[in-house]
Protein backbone atom coordinates (compact mmCIF):
# COMPACT_ATOMS: atom_id res chain seq x y z
CA ALA A 1 -27.87 -24.34 -67.85
CA ALA A 2 -24.44 -22.99 -67.81
CA SER A 3 -22.45 -23.79 -64.70
CA LEU A 4 -21.72 -20.83 -62.48
CA ALA A 5 -18.78 -22.58 -60.70
CA ARG A 6 -15.33 -21.20 -61.42
CA SER A 7 -12.02 -23.06 -61.50
CA ALA A 8 -9.47 -21.98 -58.91
CA GLY A 9 -7.51 -20.33 -61.63
CA ASP A 10 -10.30 -18.00 -62.71
CA ILE A 11 -10.47 -16.15 -59.41
CA TRP A 12 -6.74 -14.89 -59.92
CA ASN A 13 -8.11 -13.37 -63.22
CA LEU A 14 -10.63 -11.28 -61.46
CA VAL A 15 -8.07 -9.72 -58.98
CA ASN A 16 -6.68 -6.33 -59.67
CA TRP A 17 -2.89 -6.98 -59.75
CA SER A 18 -1.87 -3.30 -60.36
CA TRP A 19 0.63 -2.61 -57.56
CA LYS A 20 -1.41 0.50 -56.72
CA SER A 21 -4.36 -1.78 -55.67
CA VAL A 22 -4.62 -1.32 -51.89
CA LYS A 23 -7.28 -4.17 -51.86
CA THR A 24 -4.99 -6.63 -53.50
CA PHE A 25 -1.67 -5.52 -51.78
CA GLN A 26 -2.83 -3.80 -48.70
CA HIS A 27 0.43 -2.30 -47.29
CA VAL A 28 3.00 -4.31 -49.45
CA PHE A 29 3.95 -1.21 -51.40
CA LEU A 30 2.57 1.45 -48.98
CA ARG A 31 5.09 0.34 -46.31
CA HIS A 32 7.74 -1.73 -48.32
CA GLY A 33 7.68 -0.23 -51.83
CA LYS A 34 9.96 1.96 -53.81
CA GLY A 35 10.52 5.55 -52.76
CA LYS A 36 12.63 7.93 -50.76
CA ASP A 37 9.90 8.64 -48.13
CA ILE A 38 9.44 4.86 -47.64
CA LEU A 39 13.25 4.32 -47.28
CA ARG A 40 13.41 6.98 -44.59
CA SER A 41 10.45 5.49 -42.81
CA LEU A 42 12.15 1.99 -43.03
CA ILE A 43 15.44 3.34 -41.92
CA ASP A 44 13.71 4.96 -38.81
CA ARG A 45 11.67 1.81 -38.22
CA ALA A 46 14.77 -0.48 -38.33
CA ARG A 47 16.64 1.79 -35.96
CA GLY A 48 13.86 2.15 -33.48
CA THR A 49 12.66 -1.41 -33.38
CA GLY A 50 16.13 -3.05 -33.88
CA VAL A 51 14.45 -5.31 -36.55
CA PRO A 52 15.68 -5.25 -40.15
CA GLN A 53 13.05 -3.88 -42.62
CA GLY A 54 12.69 -4.91 -46.26
CA GLN A 55 12.00 -2.75 -49.21
CA TRP A 56 11.10 -3.48 -52.82
CA LEU A 57 12.81 -1.36 -55.56
CA ASP A 58 10.58 -2.03 -58.50
CA ASN A 59 6.72 -1.99 -57.53
CA GLN A 60 5.66 -3.20 -60.91
CA ALA A 61 8.11 -6.02 -61.31
CA VAL A 62 7.35 -7.24 -57.83
CA SER A 63 3.60 -6.92 -58.17
CA GLU A 64 3.92 -9.21 -61.44
CA TRP A 65 5.98 -11.75 -59.56
CA LEU A 66 3.63 -11.90 -56.66
CA LYS A 67 0.79 -12.55 -58.93
CA GLN A 68 2.60 -15.49 -60.30
CA VAL A 69 3.46 -16.82 -56.88
CA ARG A 70 -0.02 -16.16 -55.12
CA PRO A 71 -1.76 -19.35 -56.40
CA THR A 72 1.23 -21.46 -55.10
CA ILE A 73 1.00 -20.61 -51.38
CA GLN A 74 -1.75 -21.39 -49.04
CA GLY A 75 -0.66 -19.52 -45.83
CA PRO A 76 2.34 -17.41 -44.60
CA ALA A 77 5.57 -18.49 -46.14
CA SER A 78 9.11 -17.54 -46.43
CA ILE A 79 10.58 -18.23 -49.95
CA LYS A 80 13.79 -17.76 -51.85
CA LEU A 81 13.66 -14.82 -54.30
CA PRO A 82 14.51 -15.61 -57.81
CA PRO A 83 17.50 -13.66 -59.02
CA GLU A 84 15.61 -11.18 -61.11
CA ILE A 85 13.40 -10.08 -58.11
CA ALA A 86 16.27 -10.40 -55.57
CA ALA A 87 17.90 -7.62 -57.54
CA LYS A 88 14.86 -5.46 -56.89
CA ALA A 89 14.99 -5.90 -53.17
CA GLN A 90 16.79 -4.74 -50.17
CA VAL A 91 16.92 -4.87 -46.41
CA ILE A 92 17.62 -2.01 -44.15
CA MET A 93 19.58 -3.00 -41.03
CA PRO A 94 19.11 -1.55 -37.46
CA ASP A 95 22.48 0.26 -37.94
CA GLY A 96 21.31 1.93 -41.19
CA SER A 97 23.42 -0.27 -43.51
CA ILE A 98 21.53 -1.60 -46.57
CA VAL A 99 22.14 -5.17 -47.71
CA LYS A 100 20.76 -7.37 -50.61
CA ALA A 101 17.60 -9.49 -49.90
CA THR A 102 17.74 -13.26 -50.51
CA HIS A 103 14.21 -14.17 -49.50
CA ALA A 104 10.78 -12.77 -48.89
CA VAL A 105 7.92 -13.13 -46.29
CA LEU A 106 4.68 -13.63 -48.08
CA VAL A 107 1.43 -13.42 -46.02
CA PRO A 108 -1.64 -14.08 -48.33
CA THR A 109 -5.16 -13.18 -48.27
CA GLU A 110 -8.03 -14.64 -50.17
CA GLU A 111 -7.42 -12.22 -52.97
CA GLY A 112 -4.03 -11.10 -52.73
CA PHE A 113 -1.51 -10.31 -49.89
CA LYS A 114 -1.81 -8.87 -46.42
CA THR A 115 1.84 -8.14 -46.62
CA ALA A 116 5.17 -9.14 -48.55
CA TYR A 117 8.44 -7.99 -47.88
CA PRO A 118 12.23 -8.84 -48.51
CA ILE A 119 14.39 -10.41 -45.78
CA ILE A 120 17.77 -12.06 -45.48
CA THR A 121 18.25 -15.47 -44.42
CA THR A 122 20.54 -14.64 -41.48
CA VAL A 123 17.57 -12.83 -39.76
CA ARG A 124 15.27 -15.27 -37.84
CA ASN A 125 11.87 -14.84 -36.41
CA TYR A 126 10.12 -13.06 -39.21
CA ILE A 127 7.23 -15.62 -39.16
CA SER A 128 6.71 -18.75 -37.28
CA GLU A 129 6.03 -21.83 -39.33
C-alpha cells in the first residue's frame, strides 16, 4: 500500500501562494500591500497611533519571497530583507515621512502568514522575542 504520509516540503506545494489569497496571506496585502488607498490608510494609522506602518510596493514579488521564506521560520520573526525585496518596501512614519524598510516582521500560520510587514531597525517593540 502506498504511504499517505507527506514530507514537510509537500505541504508548501499545496498552498495557494497567489498574493490575492486571503487564506494564505490574511491581511498581509489587504493592510500592507501596494495601492494608494492602502497608503492613505497607513499614513492615517501611523499618525493616529504614533507607530510606523510598513507597506509592500510589489505584491507579486513579495508573495514569491514569502513563499521561499515560510518553510524556514517556526514562529514570529524579524528578519533582514534581501536587497531586491527591500527595494519593494517602505515604512510610513508618524510624521508622514516615508523611509526605506530594512527588515520585516513575519508572523506565520500553518499554511501561510497571519501578517508580514516591512519595518526599519531603529523602531523597537514590533514583536517580543
